[in-house]
Amino acid sequence: MENSTIVKQIFRPFKTVVQTDKEGSINFGQEVQEKSYRVFINDAGQILLDPAENIPERELWLWKNPEALASLRRGLEQVAAGETRYLGSFAQYADLEIDD
């Protein structure tokens, strides 16, 4: 796992003490229900849970390609600013087979 920068150094207590079950799981309750986390551990055995979103592999290329990501962001900004133009209907292409 890669090293990561901690965004905020100040932590607040969440639970005083928790105990792992036989499988090593900890139940944090409703506050963190159905969320994903990257898990970091230091040499002192302290564990940091960093909230994370999963990106499907088929979309990961975009996040690894700075030029494509910048182009997408520019496009979204243009749409938000109303900078669009109508290019006509593309319905005639809807049934075309696409080669991967």
Protein backbone atom coordinates (compact mmCIF):
# COMPACT_ATOMS: atom_id res chain seq x y z
CA MET A 1 0.00 0.00 0.00
CA GLU A 2 1.28 3.44 -0.84
CA ASN A 3 2.19 6.02 1.76
CA SER A 4 -0.29 8.85 2.02
CA THR A 5 -0.34 12.34 3.42
CA ILE A 6 -2.67 12.86 6.34
CA VAL A 7 -4.94 15.74 5.34
CA LYS A 8 -5.80 16.94 8.85
CA GLN A 9 -3.57 16.24 11.82
CA ILE A 10 -6.21 16.84 14.49
CA PHE A 11 -8.29 13.82 15.49
CA ARG A 12 -11.22 13.73 17.90
CA PRO A 13 -12.12 10.76 20.05
CA PHE A 14 -14.79 8.61 18.41
CA LYS A 15 -15.19 5.71 20.84
CA THR A 16 -13.28 5.22 24.05
CA VAL A 17 -12.44 1.54 23.59
CA VAL A 18 -13.54 -1.02 21.02
CA GLN A 19 -12.83 -4.73 20.96
CA THR A 20 -12.28 -6.82 17.85
CA ASP A 21 -14.37 -9.95 17.43
CA LYS A 22 -13.02 -13.43 16.60
CA GLU A 23 -12.59 -12.42 12.94
CA GLY A 24 -10.75 -9.20 13.79
CA SER A 25 -13.73 -6.99 12.93
CA ILE A 26 -14.74 -3.83 14.76
CA ASN A 27 -18.29 -2.45 14.68
CA PHE A 28 -18.25 1.35 14.62
CA GLY A 29 -22.03 1.70 14.41
CA GLN A 30 -24.39 3.75 12.24
CA GLU A 31 -22.09 6.77 11.79
CA VAL A 32 -19.79 4.89 9.45
CA GLN A 33 -22.25 2.36 8.02
CA GLU A 34 -21.67 1.20 4.43
CA LYS A 35 -18.61 3.35 3.76
CA SER A 36 -15.24 2.34 2.33
CA TYR A 37 -11.90 3.16 3.92
CA ARG A 38 -8.22 2.81 3.15
CA VAL A 39 -6.50 1.46 6.25
CA PHE A 40 -3.09 2.70 7.42
CA ILE A 41 -1.09 1.41 10.37
CA ASN A 42 2.09 2.90 11.85
CA ASP A 43 4.97 1.31 13.76
CA ALA A 44 3.18 2.03 17.07
CA GLY A 45 0.18 -0.06 15.94
CA GLN A 46 -2.10 2.98 15.54
CA ILE A 47 -4.67 2.57 12.79
CA LEU A 48 -5.98 5.37 10.58
CA LEU A 49 -9.12 4.89 8.46
CA ASP A 50 -9.17 7.23 5.47
CA PRO A 51 -12.57 7.53 3.70
CA ALA A 52 -12.28 6.36 0.10
CA GLU A 53 -14.41 5.87 -2.96
CA ASN A 54 -13.90 2.91 -5.24
CA ILE A 55 -13.37 3.64 -8.92
CA PRO A 56 -14.30 0.87 -11.37
CA GLU A 57 -11.25 -0.37 -13.32
CA ARG A 58 -12.89 0.60 -16.61
CA GLU A 59 -12.90 4.25 -15.42
CA LEU A 60 -9.52 4.27 -13.68
CA TRP A 61 -7.68 5.29 -16.86
CA LEU A 62 -9.30 8.73 -16.65
CA TRP A 63 -7.89 9.40 -13.17
CA LYS A 64 -4.44 8.27 -14.32
CA ASN A 65 -4.49 10.51 -17.43
CA PRO A 66 -4.07 14.18 -16.40
CA GLU A 67 -4.80 15.52 -19.91
CA ALA A 68 -8.05 13.57 -20.27
CA LEU A 69 -9.15 14.50 -16.75
CA ALA A 70 -8.42 18.19 -17.38
CA SER A 71 -10.39 18.03 -20.64
CA LEU A 72 -13.36 16.43 -18.86
CA ARG A 73 -13.27 19.08 -16.13
CA ARG A 74 -13.14 21.86 -18.75
CA GLY A 75 -16.13 20.35 -20.48
CA LEU A 76 -18.11 20.16 -17.25
CA GLU A 77 -17.25 23.79 -16.47
CA GLN A 78 -18.38 24.83 -19.97
CA VAL A 79 -21.69 23.03 -19.55
CA ALA A 80 -22.23 24.61 -16.13
CA ALA A 81 -21.54 28.04 -17.66
CA GLY A 82 -24.01 27.38 -20.50
CA GLU A 83 -21.26 27.34 -23.13
CA THR A 84 -22.81 24.69 -25.35
CA ARG A 85 -23.96 24.45 -28.94
CA TYR A 86 -26.39 22.12 -30.63
CA LEU A 87 -24.78 19.80 -33.17
CA GLY A 88 -27.96 18.11 -34.34
CA SER A 89 -29.30 14.65 -33.67
CA PHE A 90 -27.01 11.66 -33.45
CA ALA A 91 -29.92 9.18 -33.47
CA GLN A 92 -28.78 7.74 -36.81
CA TYR A 93 -25.68 6.31 -35.06
CA ALA A 94 -27.50 4.70 -32.13
CA ASP A 95 -27.58 1.19 -33.61
CA LEU A 96 -24.01 1.09 -34.96
CA GLU A 97 -21.79 -1.70 -33.67
CA ILE A 98 -18.70 -0.41 -31.87
CA ASP A 99 -15.41 -2.30 -32.16
CA ASP A 100 -13.38 -2.32 -28.96
